[in-house]
Amino acid sequence: MCSEGSVAPSIRKSQLAQVPIYLPPLEKQHVMVALAQAAAEERRLLTRLIDNRQRMIEATGQQLLDGGVITES
């Protein structure tokens, strides 16, 4: 399967042309893209929540250092 005359393994174009490549139906491809986009949006929202929580913790800590009273909500 390797080409002759080369130290690095390679594959001939004719051999590569015989390799089957599976492509899901277009509808399934659209579903896959939608899932990937939903996962990216979820990650973006979770990052915003984490950042917001960190700001809340920092503000609470600063309030405690300033002698403020923290009330539970």
C-alpha atoms as a PDB file:
ATOM      1  CA  MET A   1       0.000   0.000   0.000  1.00  0.00           C
ATOM      2  CA  CYS A   2       2.997   2.335   0.332  1.00  0.00           C
ATOM      3  CA  SER A   3       4.447   4.067  -2.695  1.00  0.00           C
ATOM      4  CA  GLU A   4       7.830   2.911  -3.832  1.00  0.00           C
ATOM      5  CA  GLY A   5      11.000   4.997  -3.635  1.00  0.00           C
ATOM      6  CA  SER A   6      10.046   6.958  -0.536  1.00  0.00           C
ATOM      7  CA  VAL A   7      11.001   6.571   3.096  1.00  0.00           C
ATOM      8  CA  ALA A   8       7.806   8.253   4.325  1.00  0.00           C
ATOM      9  CA  PRO A   9       4.671   6.130   4.027  1.00  0.00           C
ATOM     10  CA  SER A  10       2.247   7.401   1.416  1.00  0.00           C
ATOM     11  CA  ILE A  11      -0.819   6.281  -0.467  1.00  0.00           C
ATOM     12  CA  ARG A  12      -1.466   6.367  -4.189  1.00  0.00           C
ATOM     13  CA  LYS A  13      -4.292   8.480  -5.565  1.00  0.00           C
ATOM     14  CA  SER A  14      -5.866   5.396  -7.116  1.00  0.00           C
ATOM     15  CA  GLN A  15      -5.840   3.656  -3.721  1.00  0.00           C
ATOM     16  CA  LEU A  16      -7.291   6.702  -2.010  1.00  0.00           C
ATOM     17  CA  ALA A  17     -10.056   6.923  -4.617  1.00  0.00           C
ATOM     18  CA  GLN A  18     -11.190   3.436  -3.592  1.00  0.00           C
ATOM     19  CA  VAL A  19     -11.673   4.374   0.076  1.00  0.00           C
ATOM     20  CA  PRO A  20     -15.392   4.752   0.814  1.00  0.00           C
ATOM     21  CA  ILE A  21     -16.381   7.990   2.526  1.00  0.00           C
ATOM     22  CA  TYR A  22     -19.670   8.001   4.400  1.00  0.00           C
ATOM     23  CA  LEU A  23     -21.710  11.185   4.308  1.00  0.00           C
ATOM     24  CA  PRO A  24     -24.888  11.223   6.353  1.00  0.00           C
ATOM     25  CA  PRO A  25     -28.043  12.440   4.625  1.00  0.00           C
ATOM     26  CA  LEU A  26     -28.349  16.221   4.442  1.00  0.00           C
ATOM     27  CA  GLU A  27     -31.150  16.233   7.031  1.00  0.00           C
ATOM     28  CA  LYS A  28     -28.897  14.460   9.541  1.00  0.00           C
ATOM     29  CA  GLN A  29     -26.083  16.873   8.741  1.00  0.00           C
ATOM     30  CA  HIS A  30     -28.429  19.769   9.564  1.00  0.00           C
ATOM     31  CA  VAL A  31     -29.322  18.111  12.876  1.00  0.00           C
ATOM     32  CA  MET A  32     -25.640  17.638  13.674  1.00  0.00           C
ATOM     33  CA  VAL A  33     -24.929  21.311  12.950  1.00  0.00           C
ATOM     34  CA  ALA A  34     -27.898  22.401  15.072  1.00  0.00           C
ATOM     35  CA  LEU A  35     -26.656  20.261  17.977  1.00  0.00           C
ATOM     36  CA  ALA A  36     -23.164  21.724  17.674  1.00  0.00           C
ATOM     37  CA  GLN A  37     -24.588  25.257  17.620  1.00  0.00           C
ATOM     38  CA  ALA A  38     -26.774  24.512  20.672  1.00  0.00           C
ATOM     39  CA  ALA A  39     -23.745  23.151  22.527  1.00  0.00           C
ATOM     40  CA  ALA A  40     -21.748  26.292  21.663  1.00  0.00           C
ATOM     41  CA  GLU A  41     -24.602  28.518  22.890  1.00  0.00           C
ATOM     42  CA  GLU A  42     -24.874  26.472  26.083  1.00  0.00           C
ATOM     43  CA  ARG A  43     -21.145  26.914  26.685  1.00  0.00           C
ATOM     44  CA  ARG A  44     -21.439  30.664  26.074  1.00  0.00           C
ATOM     45  CA  LEU A  45     -24.335  30.960  28.544  1.00  0.00           C
ATOM     46  CA  LEU A  46     -22.604  28.828  31.167  1.00  0.00           C
ATOM     47  CA  THR A  47     -19.509  31.002  30.869  1.00  0.00           C
ATOM     48  CA  ARG A  48     -21.650  34.099  31.411  1.00  0.00           C
ATOM     49  CA  LEU A  49     -23.228  32.487  34.495  1.00  0.00           C
ATOM     50  CA  ILE A  50     -19.825  31.579  35.901  1.00  0.00           C
ATOM     51  CA  ASP A  51     -18.519  35.104  35.269  1.00  0.00           C
ATOM     52  CA  ASN A  52     -21.610  36.604  36.896  1.00  0.00           C
ATOM     53  CA  ARG A  53     -21.243  34.341  39.932  1.00  0.00           C
ATOM     54  CA  GLN A  54     -17.586  35.346  40.262  1.00  0.00           C
ATOM     55  CA  ARG A  55     -18.527  39.041  40.196  1.00  0.00           C
ATOM     56  CA  MET A  56     -21.162  38.393  42.891  1.00  0.00           C
ATOM     57  CA  ILE A  57     -18.611  36.605  45.080  1.00  0.00           C
ATOM     58  CA  GLU A  58     -16.094  39.423  44.644  1.00  0.00           C
ATOM     59  CA  ALA A  59     -18.711  42.079  45.445  1.00  0.00           C
ATOM     60  CA  THR A  60     -19.823  40.154  48.537  1.00  0.00           C
ATOM     61  CA  GLY A  61     -16.221  39.783  49.677  1.00  0.00           C
ATOM     62  CA  GLN A  62     -15.600  43.482  49.189  1.00  0.00           C
ATOM     63  CA  GLN A  63     -18.770  44.311  51.085  1.00  0.00           C
ATOM     64  CA  LEU A  64     -17.620  42.117  53.988  1.00  0.00           C
ATOM     65  CA  LEU A  65     -14.185  43.781  53.987  1.00  0.00           C
ATOM     66  CA  ASP A  66     -15.839  47.201  54.033  1.00  0.00           C
ATOM     67  CA  GLY A  67     -17.818  46.200  57.119  1.00  0.00           C
ATOM     68  CA  GLY A  68     -21.112  45.899  55.346  1.00  0.00           C
ATOM     69  CA  VAL A  69     -23.862  43.542  56.380  1.00  0.00           C
ATOM     70  CA  ILE A  70     -24.699  40.670  54.053  1.00  0.00           C
ATOM     71  CA  THR A  71     -28.339  39.662  53.938  1.00  0.00           C
ATOM     72  CA  GLU A  72     -29.562  36.355  52.578  1.00  0.00           C
ATOM     73  CA  SER A  73     -31.935  36.558  49.678  1.00  0.00           C
END
